[in-house]
Amino acid sequence: MLGLWQLTETPTELWLNLPQPASYRPLLPATANATRLAQWLAGRVLAHRLIAELEMEPPPDLVVHNDATGRPWLAGDARDLNLSLSHSGAWVAAVLARGGRAGVDVEMVRDKAQRLASKFLNAEEWADAQATTLAAPDTASTHYTLLWSAKETLYKLAAQRGIIFKTQLLLSSFAPQESGEIPATLVLPDANTRHCICYSQPSPGYVLTYCHQPAL
């Protein structure tokens, strides 16, 4: 289940919508400014709203924590629910799945991804990206940001440290549209798995990607 939140609220307003606020105060990021705090709070409000949609009787003790890598997880009676969160600029995104693994990423379009393309794209992916953006130069920033976002989603789905973006998170060729799917392969020491990363543009200047791998 995918959830999106376009931020207009202040942190004070978001606190009023957050279940168990006392459980979340000790978990607050130590250095968050007002914008980052609003993103953090909105992610948790959104997660609880998705849980309420998925569960007829949501467990009252569920709290969103983050592990040492920053990956969110549900403490309490999680009932095999898996959560992924992302935020950028005015958007917050969440994917909640029962069983398996999930990943989501939302990104504000910037030139940075294009500048760093050689760091996270392998030779074949980079050649495909150059061919795509040569035909439509005005889409270059959006396209490279989308590729970065897709790999971020796959990285979150992998839920492992030490992943090398260029060699373990692989994207196949696709014809970019406003929304669609990107075939992808996750290369791990014990197995290679194929995935389908969904993508869209929640508003001009942003890209969204997400993926769910059902439990085997």
C-alpha atoms as a PDB file:
ATOM      1  CA  MET A   1       0.000   0.000   0.000  1.00  0.00           C
ATOM      2  CA  LEU A   2       1.416   3.353  -1.107  1.00  0.00           C
ATOM      3  CA  GLY A   3       0.796   6.618   0.717  1.00  0.00           C
ATOM      4  CA  LEU A   4       1.761  10.162  -0.291  1.00  0.00           C
ATOM      5  CA  TRP A   5       1.627  13.348   1.756  1.00  0.00           C
ATOM      6  CA  GLN A   6       2.199  16.851   0.387  1.00  0.00           C
ATOM      7  CA  LEU A   7       3.422  18.847   3.349  1.00  0.00           C
ATOM      8  CA  THR A   8       1.654  22.054   4.301  1.00  0.00           C
ATOM      9  CA  GLU A   9       1.428  21.497   8.065  1.00  0.00           C
ATOM     10  CA  THR A  10       3.701  22.794  10.797  1.00  0.00           C
ATOM     11  CA  PRO A  11       5.358  20.415  13.287  1.00  0.00           C
ATOM     12  CA  THR A  12       2.854  21.557  15.923  1.00  0.00           C
ATOM     13  CA  GLU A  13      -0.072  20.573  13.694  1.00  0.00           C
ATOM     14  CA  LEU A  14       1.526  17.219  12.885  1.00  0.00           C
ATOM     15  CA  TRP A  15       2.068  16.370  16.541  1.00  0.00           C
ATOM     16  CA  LEU A  16      -1.698  16.632  17.029  1.00  0.00           C
ATOM     17  CA  ASN A  17      -2.246  13.942  14.368  1.00  0.00           C
ATOM     18  CA  LEU A  18       0.381  11.512  15.658  1.00  0.00           C
ATOM     19  CA  PRO A  19      -0.790   8.540  17.767  1.00  0.00           C
ATOM     20  CA  GLN A  20       1.178   7.988  20.974  1.00  0.00           C
ATOM     21  CA  PRO A  21       3.131  11.245  20.796  1.00  0.00           C
ATOM     22  CA  ALA A  22       4.825  10.470  24.112  1.00  0.00           C
ATOM     23  CA  SER A  23       6.384   7.358  22.526  1.00  0.00           C
ATOM     24  CA  TYR A  24       7.834   9.423  19.704  1.00  0.00           C
ATOM     25  CA  ARG A  25       9.392  12.295  21.649  1.00  0.00           C
ATOM     26  CA  PRO A  26      12.447  10.242  22.724  1.00  0.00           C
ATOM     27  CA  LEU A  27      12.939   9.187  19.078  1.00  0.00           C
ATOM     28  CA  LEU A  28      13.126  12.708  17.624  1.00  0.00           C
ATOM     29  CA  PRO A  29      16.178  13.444  15.441  1.00  0.00           C
ATOM     30  CA  ALA A  30      18.612  15.451  17.541  1.00  0.00           C
ATOM     31  CA  THR A  31      19.516  18.064  14.928  1.00  0.00           C
ATOM     32  CA  ALA A  32      16.305  18.412  12.901  1.00  0.00           C
ATOM     33  CA  ASN A  33      15.260  21.925  11.872  1.00  0.00           C
ATOM     34  CA  ALA A  34      11.572  22.802  11.444  1.00  0.00           C
ATOM     35  CA  THR A  35      11.439  21.463   7.871  1.00  0.00           C
ATOM     36  CA  ARG A  36      13.151  18.172   8.690  1.00  0.00           C
ATOM     37  CA  LEU A  37      11.033  17.769  11.803  1.00  0.00           C
ATOM     38  CA  ALA A  38       7.842  18.251   9.778  1.00  0.00           C
ATOM     39  CA  GLN A  39       9.030  15.627   7.264  1.00  0.00           C
ATOM     40  CA  TRP A  40       9.895  13.206  10.064  1.00  0.00           C
ATOM     41  CA  LEU A  41       6.552  13.663  11.802  1.00  0.00           C
ATOM     42  CA  ALA A  42       4.535  13.460   8.575  1.00  0.00           C
ATOM     43  CA  GLY A  43       6.203  10.157   7.728  1.00  0.00           C
ATOM     44  CA  ARG A  44       5.034   8.671  10.995  1.00  0.00           C
ATOM     45  CA  VAL A  45       1.530  10.123  10.741  1.00  0.00           C
ATOM     46  CA  LEU A  46       1.304   8.698   7.217  1.00  0.00           C
ATOM     47  CA  ALA A  47       2.554   5.289   8.382  1.00  0.00           C
ATOM     48  CA  HIS A  48      -0.129   5.116  11.073  1.00  0.00           C
ATOM     49  CA  ARG A  49      -2.829   6.096   8.591  1.00  0.00           C
ATOM     50  CA  LEU A  50      -1.752   3.309   6.235  1.00  0.00           C
ATOM     51  CA  ILE A  51      -1.759   0.843   9.116  1.00  0.00           C
ATOM     52  CA  ALA A  52      -5.311   1.916   9.977  1.00  0.00           C
ATOM     53  CA  GLU A  53      -6.375   1.303   6.362  1.00  0.00           C
ATOM     54  CA  LEU A  54      -4.731  -2.115   6.206  1.00  0.00           C
ATOM     55  CA  GLU A  55      -5.754  -3.383   9.645  1.00  0.00           C
ATOM     56  CA  MET A  56      -9.370  -3.636  10.777  1.00  0.00           C
ATOM     57  CA  GLU A  57      -8.163  -3.190  14.370  1.00  0.00           C
ATOM     58  CA  PRO A  58      -4.728  -1.528  14.309  1.00  0.00           C
ATOM     59  CA  PRO A  59      -2.440  -2.656  17.155  1.00  0.00           C
ATOM     60  CA  PRO A  60      -2.413   0.170  19.727  1.00  0.00           C
ATOM     61  CA  ASP A  61       1.260  -0.269  20.606  1.00  0.00           C
ATOM     62  CA  LEU A  62       2.859   0.159  17.166  1.00  0.00           C
ATOM     63  CA  VAL A  63       5.665   2.717  17.020  1.00  0.00           C
ATOM     64  CA  VAL A  64       7.933   3.487  14.058  1.00  0.00           C
ATOM     65  CA  HIS A  65      11.602   3.116  14.986  1.00  0.00           C
ATOM     66  CA  ASN A  66      14.766   3.369  12.886  1.00  0.00           C
ATOM     67  CA  ASP A  67      17.609   0.867  12.973  1.00  0.00           C
ATOM     68  CA  ALA A  68      21.320   1.746  12.873  1.00  0.00           C
ATOM     69  CA  THR A  69      21.167   2.245   9.092  1.00  0.00           C
ATOM     70  CA  GLY A  70      18.142   4.567   9.322  1.00  0.00           C
ATOM     71  CA  ARG A  71      15.742   1.927   8.008  1.00  0.00           C
ATOM     72  CA  PRO A  72      12.270   2.178   9.618  1.00  0.00           C
ATOM     73  CA  TRP A  73      10.746  -0.768  11.428  1.00  0.00           C
ATOM     74  CA  LEU A  74       7.617  -1.262  13.496  1.00  0.00           C
ATOM     75  CA  ALA A  75       7.998  -1.978  17.203  1.00  0.00           C
ATOM     76  CA  GLY A  76       5.086  -3.670  18.942  1.00  0.00           C
ATOM     77  CA  ASP A  77       2.538  -6.058  17.453  1.00  0.00           C
ATOM     78  CA  ALA A  78       3.722  -5.527  13.867  1.00  0.00           C
ATOM     79  CA  ARG A  79       1.769  -8.517  12.440  1.00  0.00           C
ATOM     80  CA  ASP A  80       4.350  -9.067   9.696  1.00  0.00           C
ATOM     81  CA  LEU A  81       3.959  -5.490   8.423  1.00  0.00           C
ATOM     82  CA  ASN A  82       6.936  -3.957   6.640  1.00  0.00           C
ATOM     83  CA  LEU A  83       7.398  -0.218   6.204  1.00  0.00           C
ATOM     84  CA  SER A  84       9.524   2.013   4.003  1.00  0.00           C
ATOM     85  CA  LEU A  85       9.595   5.819   4.253  1.00  0.00           C
ATOM     86  CA  SER A  86      11.052   8.680   2.232  1.00  0.00           C
ATOM     87  CA  HIS A  87      10.831  12.462   2.134  1.00  0.00           C
ATOM     88  CA  SER A  88      12.159  15.246  -0.043  1.00  0.00           C
ATOM     89  CA  GLY A  89      11.082  18.871  -0.156  1.00  0.00           C
ATOM     90  CA  ALA A  90       7.305  19.097   0.097  1.00  0.00           C
ATOM     91  CA  TRP A  91       6.617  15.364  -0.305  1.00  0.00           C
ATOM     92  CA  VAL A  92       6.588  12.436   2.099  1.00  0.00           C
ATOM     93  CA  ALA A  93       6.045   8.872   0.852  1.00  0.00           C
ATOM     94  CA  ALA A  94       5.425   5.543   2.560  1.00  0.00           C
ATOM     95  CA  VAL A  95       4.919   1.955   1.464  1.00  0.00           C
ATOM     96  CA  LEU A  96       3.366  -0.524   3.878  1.00  0.00           C
ATOM     97  CA  ALA A  97       3.361  -4.206   2.961  1.00  0.00           C
ATOM     98  CA  ARG A  98       2.328  -7.386   4.713  1.00  0.00           C
ATOM     99  CA  GLY A  99       5.200  -9.807   4.430  1.00  0.00           C
ATOM    100  CA  GLY A 100       8.143  -9.612   2.077  1.00  0.00           C
ATOM    101  CA  ARG A 101      10.138  -6.421   1.698  1.00  0.00           C
ATOM    102  CA  ALA A 102       9.359  -2.932   0.450  1.00  0.00           C
ATOM    103  CA  GLY A 103      11.191   0.171  -0.686  1.00  0.00           C
ATOM    104  CA  VAL A 104      10.100   3.703  -1.584  1.00  0.00           C
ATOM    105  CA  ASP A 105      11.928   6.881  -2.534  1.00  0.00           C
ATOM    106  CA  VAL A 106      10.766  10.382  -3.421  1.00  0.00           C
ATOM    107  CA  GLU A 107      13.245  12.920  -4.786  1.00  0.00           C
ATOM    108  CA  MET A 108      13.199  16.570  -5.704  1.00  0.00           C
ATOM    109  CA  VAL A 109      14.637  16.848  -9.217  1.00  0.00           C
ATOM    110  CA  ARG A 110      18.157  18.313  -9.146  1.00  0.00           C
ATOM    111  CA  ASP A 111      21.218  18.391 -11.395  1.00  0.00           C
ATOM    112  CA  LYS A 112      23.208  16.487  -8.771  1.00  0.00           C
ATOM    113  CA  ALA A 113      22.196  13.018  -9.968  1.00  0.00           C
ATOM    114  CA  GLN A 114      23.426  13.766 -13.492  1.00  0.00           C
ATOM    115  CA  ARG A 115      26.752  15.072 -12.163  1.00  0.00           C
ATOM    116  CA  LEU A 116      27.241  11.930 -10.083  1.00  0.00           C
ATOM    117  CA  ALA A 117      25.948   9.458 -12.678  1.00  0.00           C
ATOM    118  CA  SER A 118      29.320   7.733 -13.065  1.00  0.00           C
ATOM    119  CA  LYS A 119      29.266   6.942  -9.341  1.00  0.00           C
ATOM    120  CA  PHE A 120      26.034   4.926  -9.345  1.00  0.00           C
ATOM    121  CA  LEU A 121      25.369   3.851 -12.966  1.00  0.00           C
ATOM    122  CA  ASN A 122      27.300   1.080 -14.682  1.00  0.00           C
ATOM    123  CA  ALA A 123      28.530   1.520 -18.248  1.00  0.00           C
ATOM    124  CA  GLU A 124      25.403   0.072 -19.885  1.00  0.00           C
ATOM    125  CA  GLU A 125      23.021   2.100 -17.713  1.00  0.00           C
ATOM    126  CA  TRP A 126      24.986   5.274 -18.341  1.00  0.00           C
ATOM    127  CA  ALA A 127      24.975   4.687 -22.105  1.00  0.00           C
ATOM    128  CA  ASP A 128      21.196   4.173 -22.029  1.00  0.00           C
ATOM    129  CA  ALA A 129      20.736   7.358 -19.993  1.00  0.00           C
ATOM    130  CA  GLN A 130      22.916   9.393 -22.342  1.00  0.00           C
ATOM    131  CA  ALA A 131      20.981   8.133 -25.364  1.00  0.00           C
ATOM    132  CA  THR A 132      17.661   8.952 -23.686  1.00  0.00           C
ATOM    133  CA  THR A 133      18.657  12.468 -22.649  1.00  0.00           C
ATOM    134  CA  LEU A 134      20.378  13.218 -25.955  1.00  0.00           C
ATOM    135  CA  ALA A 135      16.995  12.812 -27.627  1.00  0.00           C
ATOM    136  CA  ALA A 136      15.303  15.026 -25.002  1.00  0.00           C
ATOM    137  CA  PRO A 137      17.918  17.268 -23.312  1.00  0.00           C
ATOM    138  CA  ASP A 138      15.359  19.173 -21.249  1.00  0.00           C
ATOM    139  CA  THR A 139      14.488  15.958 -19.390  1.00  0.00           C
ATOM    140  CA  ALA A 140      18.060  15.164 -18.324  1.00  0.00           C
ATOM    141  CA  SER A 141      17.803  16.267 -14.693  1.00  0.00           C
ATOM    142  CA  THR A 142      14.494  14.445 -14.246  1.00  0.00           C
ATOM    143  CA  HIS A 143      15.748  11.267 -15.907  1.00  0.00           C
ATOM    144  CA  TYR A 144      18.959  10.985 -13.902  1.00  0.00           C
ATOM    145  CA  THR A 145      17.103  11.792 -10.683  1.00  0.00           C
ATOM    146  CA  LEU A 146      14.649   9.006 -11.556  1.00  0.00           C
ATOM    147  CA  LEU A 147      17.501   6.528 -12.057  1.00  0.00           C
ATOM    148  CA  TRP A 148      19.017   7.496  -8.713  1.00  0.00           C
ATOM    149  CA  SER A 149      15.622   7.181  -7.026  1.00  0.00           C
ATOM    150  CA  ALA A 150      15.032   3.733  -8.539  1.00  0.00           C
ATOM    151  CA  LYS A 151      18.343   2.505  -7.155  1.00  0.00           C
ATOM    152  CA  GLU A 152      17.552   4.044  -3.760  1.00  0.00           C
ATOM    153  CA  THR A 153      14.276   2.110  -3.698  1.00  0.00           C
ATOM    154  CA  LEU A 154      16.053  -1.134  -4.603  1.00  0.00           C
ATOM    155  CA  TYR A 155      18.676  -0.426  -1.930  1.00  0.00           C
ATOM    156  CA  LYS A 156      15.969   0.017   0.688  1.00  0.00           C
ATOM    157  CA  LEU A 157      14.280  -3.185  -0.440  1.00  0.00           C
ATOM    158  CA  ALA A 158      17.591  -5.075  -0.113  1.00  0.00           C
ATOM    159  CA  ALA A 159      17.916  -3.907   3.515  1.00  0.00           C
ATOM    160  CA  GLN A 160      21.607  -4.797   3.665  1.00  0.00           C
ATOM    161  CA  ARG A 161      24.731  -2.808   4.366  1.00  0.00           C
ATOM    162  CA  GLY A 162      27.599  -2.591   1.920  1.00  0.00           C
ATOM    163  CA  ILE A 163      25.516  -2.647  -1.273  1.00  0.00           C
ATOM    164  CA  ILE A 164      27.400  -1.274  -4.297  1.00  0.00           C
ATOM    165  CA  PHE A 165      25.002   0.726  -6.449  1.00  0.00           C
ATOM    166  CA  LYS A 166      26.889   0.237  -9.735  1.00  0.00           C
ATOM    167  CA  THR A 167      27.242  -3.532  -9.591  1.00  0.00           C
ATOM    168  CA  GLN A 168      24.472  -4.825  -7.327  1.00  0.00           C
ATOM    169  CA  LEU A 169      21.520  -2.562  -8.117  1.00  0.00           C
ATOM    170  CA  LEU A 170      20.946  -2.978 -11.837  1.00  0.00           C
ATOM    171  CA  LEU A 171      18.367  -1.203 -14.006  1.00  0.00           C
ATOM    172  CA  SER A 172      17.295  -2.530 -17.402  1.00  0.00           C
ATOM    173  CA  SER A 173      16.451  -0.328 -20.378  1.00  0.00           C
ATOM    174  CA  PHE A 174      13.023   1.318 -20.376  1.00  0.00           C
ATOM    175  CA  ALA A 175      11.199   4.015 -22.308  1.00  0.00           C
ATOM    176  CA  PRO A 176      10.588   6.848 -19.813  1.00  0.00           C
ATOM    177  CA  GLN A 177       7.066   8.210 -19.456  1.00  0.00           C
ATOM    178  CA  GLU A 178       5.346  10.299 -16.787  1.00  0.00           C
ATOM    179  CA  SER A 179       4.674   7.017 -14.997  1.00  0.00           C
ATOM    180  CA  GLY A 180       5.593   3.420 -15.635  1.00  0.00           C
ATOM    181  CA  GLU A 181       7.811   0.559 -14.524  1.00  0.00           C
ATOM    182  CA  ILE A 182      11.563  -0.053 -14.542  1.00  0.00           C
ATOM    183  CA  PRO A 183      12.822  -3.661 -14.679  1.00  0.00           C
ATOM    184  CA  ALA A 184      15.573  -4.145 -12.116  1.00  0.00           C
ATOM    185  CA  THR A 185      17.865  -6.833 -10.723  1.00  0.00           C
ATOM    186  CA  LEU A 186      19.200  -7.064  -7.185  1.00  0.00           C
ATOM    187  CA  VAL A 187      22.541  -8.880  -7.119  1.00  0.00           C
ATOM    188  CA  LEU A 188      23.372 -10.442  -3.748  1.00  0.00           C
ATOM    189  CA  PRO A 189      25.973 -13.081  -2.842  1.00  0.00           C
ATOM    190  CA  ASP A 190      23.379 -15.822  -2.412  1.00  0.00           C
ATOM    191  CA  ALA A 191      21.006 -14.986  -5.288  1.00  0.00           C
ATOM    192  CA  ASN A 192      19.990 -12.566  -8.023  1.00  0.00           C
ATOM    193  CA  THR A 193      16.362 -11.436  -7.878  1.00  0.00           C
ATOM    194  CA  ARG A 194      14.282  -9.593 -10.459  1.00  0.00           C
ATOM    195  CA  HIS A 195      12.057  -6.693  -9.498  1.00  0.00           C
ATOM    196  CA  CYS A 196       9.684  -4.184 -11.041  1.00  0.00           C
ATOM    197  CA  ILE A 197      10.107  -0.619  -9.786  1.00  0.00           C
ATOM    198  CA  CYS A 198       7.050   1.590 -10.269  1.00  0.00           C
ATOM    199  CA  TYR A 199       7.635   5.269 -10.902  1.00  0.00           C
ATOM    200  CA  SER A 200       5.646   8.475 -11.300  1.00  0.00           C
ATOM    201  CA  GLN A 201       5.839  12.232 -10.770  1.00  0.00           C
ATOM    202  CA  PRO A 202       3.705  13.269  -7.771  1.00  0.00           C
ATOM    203  CA  SER A 203       4.040  16.904  -8.847  1.00  0.00           C
ATOM    204  CA  PRO A 204       6.264  18.900 -11.226  1.00  0.00           C
ATOM    205  CA  GLY A 205       9.856  18.778 -10.074  1.00  0.00           C
ATOM    206  CA  TYR A 206       9.595  15.489  -8.154  1.00  0.00           C
ATOM    207  CA  VAL A 207       9.958  11.789  -8.925  1.00  0.00           C
ATOM    208  CA  LEU A 208       8.647   8.833  -6.936  1.00  0.00           C
ATOM    209  CA  THR A 209       9.707   5.179  -7.080  1.00  0.00           C
ATOM    210  CA  TYR A 210       8.554   2.179  -5.076  1.00  0.00           C
ATOM    211  CA  CYS A 211       8.740  -1.611  -5.098  1.00  0.00           C
ATOM    212  CA  HIS A 212       7.419  -4.556  -3.088  1.00  0.00           C
ATOM    213  CA  GLN A 213       8.840  -8.061  -3.007  1.00  0.00           C
ATOM    214  CA  PRO A 214       6.213 -10.484  -1.639  1.00  0.00           C
ATOM    215  CA  ALA A 215       7.247 -13.081   0.917  1.00  0.00           C
ATOM    216  CA  LEU A 216       8.329 -16.384  -0.588  1.00  0.00           C
END
